[in-house]
Every structure is written in structure tokens, then in C-alpha cells.
Amino acid sequence: MKSHKDFTCMDCKKDTWNEYYMLYSRVWKKANPKMKGKLCISCVEARLGRKLTKKDFTILLVNTEKITRSARLKDRLAN
């Protein structure tokens, strides 16, 4: 089992445990050209210069299963 330290945002250093998500590679690469590490929703959006939308997220279970999520992530997955 991973510890919460494995879910630390690279930019703001907040725990992203309840913001576990997967973006399409083209979106993630724009936000994070090195393609490694974790970013909270706010930091991804800051790097992209826009708000994420449902179309940015893959259709994999990590984004579709019913698990505990932050209010911010729920909002982005719904719109």
C-alpha cells in the first residue's frame, strides 16, 4: 500500500490522496512535460492556464469508480 507521501503535489506540496486521477497523455504532457510526479488539480490548472473539464480525464476506472474524491475533482469530472 502506498503512503500519502507518494501523493504529494510537486508544486504546492499538498497531499493529493483524494485527488487521484488520470488525464489523457496529451493534457498531462502539456502540464507536466517530464510526465513524472503528481500534481493537485489546482496546480495542473495553473500550469495549463485553464480549468480542467471532463473531456481532459480518461475513461479508466480511476476516474469513473465511486471512491472518495475532493469536491474540486468531483466538479471537474462532472463538467
Foldseek 3Di string as FASTA:
>chain_A
DDDQQQQAAPPPRDRCPQVDFAFDPVLCCQQPVVSDGHHHQVSSCVSVVHHAALNRGDPDCSLVPDDRHDPSSVVRNVD
